[in-house]
Amino acid sequence: MQWLKVIVAGLFEIGWVIGLKHAASPWEWGMTGICIYISFYFLVMAGKTLPVGTVYAVFAGIGTAGTVLSESLIFGAPFQPLKIVLIAVLLLGIVGLKMAEDHPEKRES
């Protein structure tokens, strides 16, 4: 359930990042503000029980990947294969962090 909060936070991050660039009316700015609030609310709630570093990495990864993809798919920015490769590297790093969290190394005392 906590990871669902991180995913929701990341999805709303995509919304507010897009809003910061494209908002032109008071309604759009209001929606951007609501997205910011919801995004950080869910991020903070998830961070209370999950490892904060991993939560933030997943949150930022979702936001980064979603923003770059929406830039091309929704707003018609030129498609750049290098961006997709770099997003894949970012996502692999996030998966690696999650795997490291699930299998902590045993420390000798």
N, C-alpha and C. Protein backbone atom coordinates (compact mmCIF):
# COMPACT_ATOMS: atom_id res chain seq x y z
N MET A 1 0.82 -1.20 0.00
CA MET A 1 0.00 0.00 0.00
C MET A 1 0.87 1.27 0.00
N GLN A 2 2.00 1.22 0.74
CA GLN A 2 2.86 2.40 0.81
C GLN A 2 3.50 2.70 -0.54
N TRP A 3 3.85 1.65 -1.29
CA TRP A 3 4.44 1.88 -2.61
C TRP A 3 3.43 2.46 -3.58
N LEU A 4 2.16 2.15 -3.38
CA LEU A 4 1.11 2.77 -4.20
C LEU A 4 1.09 4.28 -3.96
N LYS A 5 1.32 4.70 -2.73
CA LYS A 5 1.39 6.13 -2.42
C LYS A 5 2.55 6.79 -3.17
N VAL A 6 3.67 6.09 -3.27
CA VAL A 6 4.82 6.63 -4.00
C VAL A 6 4.48 6.78 -5.48
N ILE A 7 3.80 5.78 -6.03
CA ILE A 7 3.42 5.83 -7.44
C ILE A 7 2.45 6.99 -7.69
N VAL A 8 1.46 7.14 -6.83
CA VAL A 8 0.51 8.25 -6.97
C VAL A 8 1.25 9.59 -6.86
N ALA A 9 2.17 9.69 -5.91
CA ALA A 9 2.95 10.92 -5.76
C ALA A 9 3.74 11.22 -7.03
N GLY A 10 4.33 10.19 -7.62
CA GLY A 10 5.10 10.37 -8.85
C GLY A 10 4.23 10.80 -10.01
N LEU A 11 3.04 10.23 -10.11
CA LEU A 11 2.13 10.61 -11.19
C LEU A 11 1.68 12.06 -11.06
N PHE A 12 1.40 12.48 -9.83
CA PHE A 12 1.02 13.88 -9.64
C PHE A 12 2.22 14.81 -9.85
N GLU A 13 3.43 14.29 -9.61
CA GLU A 13 4.62 15.10 -9.91
C GLU A 13 4.68 15.41 -11.41
N ILE A 14 4.36 14.43 -12.22
CA ILE A 14 4.33 14.67 -13.67
C ILE A 14 3.36 15.80 -13.98
N GLY A 15 2.20 15.77 -13.33
CA GLY A 15 1.20 16.81 -13.55
C GLY A 15 1.68 18.19 -13.18
N TRP A 16 2.33 18.31 -12.02
CA TRP A 16 2.74 19.67 -11.63
C TRP A 16 3.94 20.16 -12.40
N VAL A 17 4.82 19.26 -12.82
CA VAL A 17 5.95 19.71 -13.63
C VAL A 17 5.45 20.22 -14.99
N ILE A 18 4.51 19.50 -15.58
CA ILE A 18 3.91 19.96 -16.83
C ILE A 18 3.19 21.29 -16.60
N GLY A 19 2.49 21.39 -15.47
CA GLY A 19 1.78 22.63 -15.16
C GLY A 19 2.70 23.82 -15.01
N LEU A 20 3.87 23.61 -14.41
CA LEU A 20 4.80 24.72 -14.25
C LEU A 20 5.25 25.28 -15.60
N LYS A 21 5.32 24.42 -16.60
CA LYS A 21 5.75 24.88 -17.91
C LYS A 21 4.60 25.43 -18.75
N HIS A 22 3.42 24.81 -18.66
CA HIS A 22 2.35 25.12 -19.61
C HIS A 22 1.17 25.89 -19.03
N ALA A 23 1.11 26.07 -17.72
CA ALA A 23 -0.05 26.76 -17.14
C ALA A 23 -0.09 28.22 -17.59
N ALA A 24 -1.28 28.65 -18.01
CA ALA A 24 -1.43 30.02 -18.49
C ALA A 24 -2.60 30.75 -17.81
N SER A 25 -3.56 30.01 -17.31
CA SER A 25 -4.73 30.63 -16.71
C SER A 25 -4.74 30.37 -15.20
N PRO A 26 -5.53 31.13 -14.45
CA PRO A 26 -5.64 30.88 -13.01
C PRO A 26 -6.11 29.45 -12.70
N TRP A 27 -7.01 28.93 -13.52
CA TRP A 27 -7.49 27.55 -13.34
C TRP A 27 -6.33 26.56 -13.46
N GLU A 28 -5.51 26.72 -14.49
CA GLU A 28 -4.38 25.82 -14.70
C GLU A 28 -3.35 25.95 -13.58
N TRP A 29 -3.10 27.17 -13.12
CA TRP A 29 -2.18 27.36 -12.00
C TRP A 29 -2.74 26.75 -10.72
N GLY A 30 -4.05 26.85 -10.54
CA GLY A 30 -4.69 26.23 -9.38
C GLY A 30 -4.54 24.71 -9.41
N MET A 31 -4.74 24.13 -10.58
CA MET A 31 -4.59 22.68 -10.73
C MET A 31 -3.13 22.27 -10.50
N THR A 32 -2.20 23.10 -10.94
CA THR A 32 -0.78 22.82 -10.70
C THR A 32 -0.50 22.81 -9.20
N GLY A 33 -1.03 23.79 -8.49
CA GLY A 33 -0.87 23.84 -7.03
C GLY A 33 -1.46 22.63 -6.33
N ILE A 34 -2.62 22.20 -6.78
CA ILE A 34 -3.25 21.00 -6.21
C ILE A 34 -2.38 19.77 -6.46
N CYS A 35 -1.82 19.67 -7.66
CA CYS A 35 -0.93 18.54 -7.98
C CYS A 35 0.30 18.55 -7.08
N ILE A 36 0.86 19.74 -6.83
CA ILE A 36 2.02 19.84 -5.94
C ILE A 36 1.65 19.34 -4.55
N TYR A 37 0.52 19.81 -4.03
CA TYR A 37 0.10 19.42 -2.69
C TYR A 37 -0.10 17.91 -2.59
N ILE A 38 -0.87 17.34 -3.53
CA ILE A 38 -1.15 15.90 -3.49
C ILE A 38 0.14 15.09 -3.63
N SER A 39 1.00 15.52 -4.55
CA SER A 39 2.25 14.82 -4.78
C SER A 39 3.09 14.75 -3.50
N PHE A 40 3.30 15.88 -2.86
CA PHE A 40 4.13 15.89 -1.67
C PHE A 40 3.44 15.26 -0.47
N TYR A 41 2.12 15.34 -0.40
CA TYR A 41 1.39 14.68 0.68
C TYR A 41 1.65 13.17 0.64
N PHE A 42 1.45 12.57 -0.53
CA PHE A 42 1.66 11.13 -0.64
C PHE A 42 3.13 10.76 -0.47
N LEU A 43 4.03 11.60 -0.94
CA LEU A 43 5.47 11.34 -0.76
C LEU A 43 5.83 11.31 0.72
N VAL A 44 5.36 12.28 1.47
CA VAL A 44 5.65 12.35 2.90
C VAL A 44 5.02 11.18 3.64
N MET A 45 3.78 10.83 3.29
CA MET A 45 3.12 9.71 3.95
C MET A 45 3.87 8.39 3.71
N ALA A 46 4.32 8.17 2.50
CA ALA A 46 5.07 6.95 2.20
C ALA A 46 6.42 6.95 2.90
N GLY A 47 7.04 8.12 2.99
CA GLY A 47 8.35 8.24 3.62
C GLY A 47 8.34 7.98 5.12
N LYS A 48 7.16 7.98 5.72
CA LYS A 48 7.07 7.70 7.16
C LYS A 48 7.32 6.23 7.47
N THR A 49 7.06 5.34 6.51
CA THR A 49 7.23 3.91 6.78
C THR A 49 8.25 3.23 5.87
N LEU A 50 8.55 3.81 4.74
CA LEU A 50 9.50 3.23 3.79
C LEU A 50 10.83 3.97 3.88
N PRO A 51 11.91 3.37 3.40
CA PRO A 51 13.20 4.08 3.40
C PRO A 51 13.14 5.33 2.53
N VAL A 52 13.45 6.45 3.12
CA VAL A 52 13.27 7.74 2.47
C VAL A 52 14.10 7.87 1.19
N GLY A 53 15.32 7.41 1.21
CA GLY A 53 16.17 7.50 0.02
C GLY A 53 15.59 6.75 -1.16
N THR A 54 15.11 5.56 -0.91
CA THR A 54 14.52 4.76 -1.98
C THR A 54 13.21 5.37 -2.44
N VAL A 55 12.40 5.84 -1.50
CA VAL A 55 11.12 6.47 -1.84
C VAL A 55 11.37 7.67 -2.76
N TYR A 56 12.33 8.51 -2.39
CA TYR A 56 12.60 9.69 -3.20
C TYR A 56 13.15 9.32 -4.57
N ALA A 57 13.98 8.30 -4.64
CA ALA A 57 14.53 7.87 -5.93
C ALA A 57 13.42 7.36 -6.85
N VAL A 58 12.50 6.58 -6.32
CA VAL A 58 11.38 6.09 -7.12
C VAL A 58 10.49 7.25 -7.56
N PHE A 59 10.19 8.14 -6.63
CA PHE A 59 9.38 9.31 -6.91
C PHE A 59 9.99 10.15 -8.04
N ALA A 60 11.27 10.44 -7.91
CA ALA A 60 11.96 11.25 -8.92
C ALA A 60 12.05 10.51 -10.25
N GLY A 61 12.25 9.20 -10.20
CA GLY A 61 12.31 8.41 -11.43
C GLY A 61 11.00 8.41 -12.19
N ILE A 62 9.90 8.22 -11.45
CA ILE A 62 8.58 8.27 -12.09
C ILE A 62 8.35 9.65 -12.70
N GLY A 63 8.67 10.68 -11.94
CA GLY A 63 8.47 12.03 -12.44
C GLY A 63 9.32 12.34 -13.65
N THR A 64 10.57 11.94 -13.60
CA THR A 64 11.48 12.21 -14.72
C THR A 64 11.04 11.46 -15.97
N ALA A 65 10.83 10.16 -15.83
CA ALA A 65 10.43 9.36 -16.98
C ALA A 65 9.10 9.84 -17.55
N GLY A 66 8.14 10.09 -16.68
CA GLY A 66 6.83 10.54 -17.14
C GLY A 66 6.86 11.90 -17.81
N THR A 67 7.66 12.80 -17.27
CA THR A 67 7.74 14.14 -17.85
C THR A 67 8.40 14.09 -19.22
N VAL A 68 9.48 13.35 -19.35
CA VAL A 68 10.18 13.25 -20.64
C VAL A 68 9.28 12.58 -21.68
N LEU A 69 8.61 11.50 -21.28
CA LEU A 69 7.73 10.81 -22.23
C LEU A 69 6.53 11.67 -22.61
N SER A 70 5.93 12.36 -21.66
CA SER A 70 4.78 13.21 -21.98
C SER A 70 5.19 14.37 -22.86
N GLU A 71 6.42 14.86 -22.68
CA GLU A 71 6.93 15.93 -23.53
C GLU A 71 6.89 15.52 -25.01
N SER A 72 7.25 14.28 -25.28
CA SER A 72 7.24 13.80 -26.67
C SER A 72 5.84 13.38 -27.12
N LEU A 73 5.15 12.60 -26.28
CA LEU A 73 3.86 12.03 -26.68
C LEU A 73 2.72 13.04 -26.71
N ILE A 74 2.70 13.95 -25.76
CA ILE A 74 1.57 14.89 -25.65
C ILE A 74 1.89 16.23 -26.31
N PHE A 75 3.11 16.72 -26.11
CA PHE A 75 3.43 18.08 -26.55
C PHE A 75 4.25 18.12 -27.84
N GLY A 76 4.50 16.97 -28.43
CA GLY A 76 5.13 16.92 -29.75
C GLY A 76 6.60 17.29 -29.80
N ALA A 77 7.29 17.18 -28.67
CA ALA A 77 8.74 17.44 -28.70
C ALA A 77 9.40 16.35 -29.53
N PRO A 78 10.50 16.68 -30.18
CA PRO A 78 11.17 15.67 -31.01
C PRO A 78 11.60 14.46 -30.17
N PHE A 79 11.39 13.29 -30.72
CA PHE A 79 11.76 12.05 -30.06
C PHE A 79 13.27 11.88 -30.14
N GLN A 80 13.90 11.65 -29.01
CA GLN A 80 15.35 11.45 -28.98
C GLN A 80 15.66 10.10 -28.33
N PRO A 81 16.13 9.15 -29.11
CA PRO A 81 16.43 7.82 -28.57
C PRO A 81 17.38 7.85 -27.37
N LEU A 82 18.33 8.77 -27.36
CA LEU A 82 19.26 8.85 -26.24
C LEU A 82 18.52 9.12 -24.92
N LYS A 83 17.47 9.95 -24.98
CA LYS A 83 16.69 10.20 -23.77
C LYS A 83 16.06 8.92 -23.24
N ILE A 84 15.55 8.09 -24.14
CA ILE A 84 14.93 6.83 -23.73
C ILE A 84 15.98 5.92 -23.09
N VAL A 85 17.16 5.86 -23.67
CA VAL A 85 18.24 5.04 -23.11
C VAL A 85 18.60 5.54 -21.71
N LEU A 86 18.71 6.84 -21.56
CA LEU A 86 19.08 7.40 -20.26
C LEU A 86 17.97 7.20 -19.22
N ILE A 87 16.72 7.26 -19.63
CA ILE A 87 15.62 6.97 -18.71
C ILE A 87 15.68 5.51 -18.28
N ALA A 88 15.99 4.62 -19.21
CA ALA A 88 16.13 3.20 -18.88
C ALA A 88 17.24 2.99 -17.86
N VAL A 89 18.36 3.70 -18.02
CA VAL A 89 19.46 3.60 -17.05
C VAL A 89 18.98 4.10 -15.68
N LEU A 90 18.26 5.21 -15.68
CA LEU A 90 17.71 5.75 -14.43
C LEU A 90 16.80 4.72 -13.75
N LEU A 91 15.91 4.13 -14.53
CA LEU A 91 14.98 3.16 -13.96
C LEU A 91 15.71 1.91 -13.46
N LEU A 92 16.76 1.49 -14.14
CA LEU A 92 17.56 0.36 -13.66
C LEU A 92 18.21 0.70 -12.32
N GLY A 93 18.67 1.92 -12.17
CA GLY A 93 19.23 2.34 -10.89
C GLY A 93 18.21 2.31 -9.78
N ILE A 94 16.99 2.72 -10.09
CA ILE A 94 15.92 2.70 -9.09
C ILE A 94 15.58 1.27 -8.70
N VAL A 95 15.48 0.40 -9.68
CA VAL A 95 15.21 -1.02 -9.39
C VAL A 95 16.35 -1.59 -8.53
N GLY A 96 17.59 -1.21 -8.85
CA GLY A 96 18.72 -1.67 -8.05
C GLY A 96 18.63 -1.20 -6.61
N LEU A 97 18.22 0.05 -6.40
CA LEU A 97 18.04 0.56 -5.04
C LEU A 97 16.98 -0.24 -4.29
N LYS A 98 15.89 -0.53 -4.97
CA LYS A 98 14.81 -1.29 -4.35
C LYS A 98 15.29 -2.69 -3.99
N MET A 99 16.04 -3.31 -4.88
CA MET A 99 16.55 -4.66 -4.60
C MET A 99 17.54 -4.63 -3.44
N ALA A 100 18.37 -3.61 -3.36
CA ALA A 100 19.33 -3.49 -2.26
C ALA A 100 18.60 -3.29 -0.93
N GLU A 101 17.48 -2.60 -0.98
CA GLU A 101 16.68 -2.37 0.23
C GLU A 101 16.09 -3.68 0.72
N ASP A 102 15.61 -4.51 -0.20
CA ASP A 102 14.97 -5.77 0.18
C ASP A 102 15.96 -6.81 0.69
N HIS A 103 17.23 -6.70 0.31
CA HIS A 103 18.24 -7.67 0.68
C HIS A 103 19.45 -6.97 1.30
N PRO A 104 19.29 -6.44 2.51
CA PRO A 104 20.42 -5.73 3.10
C PRO A 104 21.57 -6.70 3.40
N GLU A 105 22.78 -6.20 3.22
CA GLU A 105 23.95 -7.01 3.51
C GLU A 105 24.08 -7.19 5.02
N LYS A 106 24.53 -8.36 5.42
CA LYS A 106 24.75 -8.61 6.84
C LYS A 106 26.08 -7.98 7.22
N ARG A 107 26.06 -7.26 8.31
CA ARG A 107 27.28 -6.62 8.79
C ARG A 107 27.85 -7.45 9.93
N GLU A 108 29.14 -7.57 9.90
CA GLU A 108 29.79 -8.27 10.99
C GLU A 108 30.01 -7.30 12.15
N SER A 109 29.76 -7.78 13.35
CA SER A 109 29.93 -6.92 14.53
C SER A 109 31.30 -7.03 15.09
